[in-house]
């Protein structure tokens, strides 16, 4: 019953086949694209929004966070632990 609370995307049986793994990744990407999750962050007094599907990664140096996206990068103050909870 705990498994259903995590909302699994699919099940893979060992030994894995490349086609099956690719199929599950494509399903996951399609699901994310349909949901349009939004990540909100502040830069100064402004609150900005970025679709999660466009974010590649976050990096942190002290309290300054670099968010790299498909269109470039954004810098803002925050903590990776707070970003993790929001995502």
Foldseek 3Di string as FASTA:
>chain_A
DVVVVVPDQDDADPPGDPVVVVVSVVSVLVVLVVVQDWDWDDAVPDIDIDGPSQWDDWDDDPQWIWTQGPVGIDIHGHDPVVSVVVD
